Structures are given as structure tokens and as C-alpha cells.
Amino acid sequence: MTGEKVKGPSSYFPSIEKTYGQPIAHWKALIREQAGLKHMELVNWLKEHHGLGHGHANALVAHTLAEDGKK
């Protein structure tokens, strides 16, 4: 259906791209380069090293880990 509202972590993606000026693929690649870190470690890394807000960082990490079959 067209016009259906996007839900879940990906609902943040347009705002993330607009706010930080990078495509989602950029952020996912950075997350994947940090192999071995747990969910909240990745969230905190994005916040501390890249200036993302908590909600945006959490959404990116959740979506990336889900895509990769990790929690």
C-alpha cells in the first residue's frame, strides 16, 4: 500500500540523513566496522564519536544488527 506510515527503526532514516548529511549506508558501514561491540556500546560509540542523538543512534544500531541477524 502506498502512503503507509513506516514504523520501527527505519522510520528515523529520513531525519537521520537530513540531520547528519550522510546516507544510511554510511552509518551502517561504520557500525559494521565496529565488530564485537554490543548494541549499547555501538549506540554510545555513535553518540560519542559522531555526535548522533540517542534515538537516531539506537535506531541505526537496531536496524543494522537485525539486518545482520544479530541482536
C-alpha atoms as a PDB file:
ATOM      1  CA  MET A   1       0.000   0.000   0.000  1.00  0.00           C
ATOM      2  CA  THR A   2       1.260   3.451  -0.781  1.00  0.00           C
ATOM      3  CA  GLY A   3       1.056   6.099   1.872  1.00  0.00           C
ATOM      4  CA  GLU A   4       1.510   3.549   4.642  1.00  0.00           C
ATOM      5  CA  LYS A   5       3.489   5.013   7.526  1.00  0.00           C
ATOM      6  CA  VAL A   6       6.932   3.483   8.043  1.00  0.00           C
ATOM      7  CA  LYS A   7       7.300   2.050  11.528  1.00  0.00           C
ATOM      8  CA  GLY A   8      10.216   0.827  13.587  1.00  0.00           C
ATOM      9  CA  PRO A   9      13.843   1.942  13.417  1.00  0.00           C
ATOM     10  CA  SER A  10      13.700   2.788   9.711  1.00  0.00           C
ATOM     11  CA  SER A  11      11.118   5.488  10.436  1.00  0.00           C
ATOM     12  CA  TYR A  12      14.056   7.573  11.707  1.00  0.00           C
ATOM     13  CA  PHE A  13      16.082   7.247   8.495  1.00  0.00           C
ATOM     14  CA  PRO A  14      14.879  10.374   6.650  1.00  0.00           C
ATOM     15  CA  SER A  15      15.560  12.506   9.717  1.00  0.00           C
ATOM     16  CA  ILE A  16      18.993  10.910  10.243  1.00  0.00           C
ATOM     17  CA  GLU A  17      20.021  11.607   6.653  1.00  0.00           C
ATOM     18  CA  LYS A  18      18.767  15.195   6.835  1.00  0.00           C
ATOM     19  CA  THR A  19      20.279  15.925  10.244  1.00  0.00           C
ATOM     20  CA  TYR A  20      23.725  14.395   9.750  1.00  0.00           C
ATOM     21  CA  GLY A  21      24.141  14.751   5.972  1.00  0.00           C
ATOM     22  CA  GLN A  22      25.123  11.145   5.317  1.00  0.00           C
ATOM     23  CA  PRO A  23      23.158   8.301   3.746  1.00  0.00           C
ATOM     24  CA  ILE A  24      22.027   5.422   5.941  1.00  0.00           C
ATOM     25  CA  ALA A  25      24.507   3.130   4.158  1.00  0.00           C
ATOM     26  CA  HIS A  26      27.336   5.292   5.558  1.00  0.00           C
ATOM     27  CA  TRP A  27      26.186   4.783   9.138  1.00  0.00           C
ATOM     28  CA  LYS A  28      25.568   1.058   8.656  1.00  0.00           C
ATOM     29  CA  ALA A  29      29.081   0.629   7.259  1.00  0.00           C
ATOM     30  CA  LEU A  30      30.556   2.407  10.294  1.00  0.00           C
ATOM     31  CA  ILE A  31      28.537   0.204  12.650  1.00  0.00           C
ATOM     32  CA  ARG A  32      29.652  -2.953  10.849  1.00  0.00           C
ATOM     33  CA  GLU A  33      33.299  -1.857  11.143  1.00  0.00           C
ATOM     34  CA  GLN A  34      32.909  -1.973  14.932  1.00  0.00           C
ATOM     35  CA  ALA A  35      32.545  -5.769  15.035  1.00  0.00           C
ATOM     36  CA  GLY A  36      32.444  -7.183  18.528  1.00  0.00           C
ATOM     37  CA  LEU A  37      30.683  -4.272  20.189  1.00  0.00           C
ATOM     38  CA  LYS A  38      27.288  -4.887  21.751  1.00  0.00           C
ATOM     39  CA  HIS A  39      24.149  -2.897  20.980  1.00  0.00           C
ATOM     40  CA  MET A  40      24.523  -0.213  23.637  1.00  0.00           C
ATOM     41  CA  GLU A  41      28.286   0.003  23.095  1.00  0.00           C
ATOM     42  CA  LEU A  42      27.571   0.795  19.440  1.00  0.00           C
ATOM     43  CA  VAL A  43      24.916   3.354  20.392  1.00  0.00           C
ATOM     44  CA  ASN A  44      27.318   5.074  22.778  1.00  0.00           C
ATOM     45  CA  TRP A  45      30.120   4.960  20.183  1.00  0.00           C
ATOM     46  CA  LEU A  46      27.927   6.706  17.593  1.00  0.00           C
ATOM     47  CA  LYS A  47      26.914   9.326  20.148  1.00  0.00           C
ATOM     48  CA  GLU A  48      30.424   9.988  21.433  1.00  0.00           C
ATOM     49  CA  HIS A  49      32.404   9.798  18.192  1.00  0.00           C
ATOM     50  CA  HIS A  50      29.888  11.001  15.621  1.00  0.00           C
ATOM     51  CA  GLY A  51      27.548  13.274  17.576  1.00  0.00           C
ATOM     52  CA  LEU A  52      24.339  11.342  16.921  1.00  0.00           C
ATOM     53  CA  GLY A  53      21.412  11.682  19.274  1.00  0.00           C
ATOM     54  CA  HIS A  54      20.403   8.649  21.308  1.00  0.00           C
ATOM     55  CA  GLY A  55      17.246   7.843  19.341  1.00  0.00           C
ATOM     56  CA  HIS A  56      18.975   8.102  15.982  1.00  0.00           C
ATOM     57  CA  ALA A  57      21.953   6.022  17.109  1.00  0.00           C
ATOM     58  CA  ASN A  58      19.696   3.389  18.657  1.00  0.00           C
ATOM     59  CA  ALA A  59      17.557   3.141  15.511  1.00  0.00           C
ATOM     60  CA  LEU A  60      20.612   2.697  13.277  1.00  0.00           C
ATOM     61  CA  VAL A  61      22.147   0.050  15.514  1.00  0.00           C
ATOM     62  CA  ALA A  62      18.884  -1.864  15.949  1.00  0.00           C
ATOM     63  CA  HIS A  63      18.185  -1.910  12.222  1.00  0.00           C
ATOM     64  CA  THR A  64      21.748  -2.848  11.263  1.00  0.00           C
ATOM     65  CA  LEU A  65      22.014  -5.654  13.794  1.00  0.00           C
ATOM     66  CA  ALA A  66      18.594  -7.008  12.779  1.00  0.00           C
ATOM     67  CA  GLU A  67      19.683  -6.996   9.139  1.00  0.00           C
ATOM     68  CA  ASP A  68      22.796  -8.925  10.082  1.00  0.00           C
ATOM     69  CA  GLY A  69      20.827 -11.432  12.170  1.00  0.00           C
ATOM     70  CA  LYS A  70      22.276 -10.174  15.454  1.00  0.00           C
ATOM     71  CA  LYS A  71      20.649  -8.643  18.491  1.00  0.00           C
END
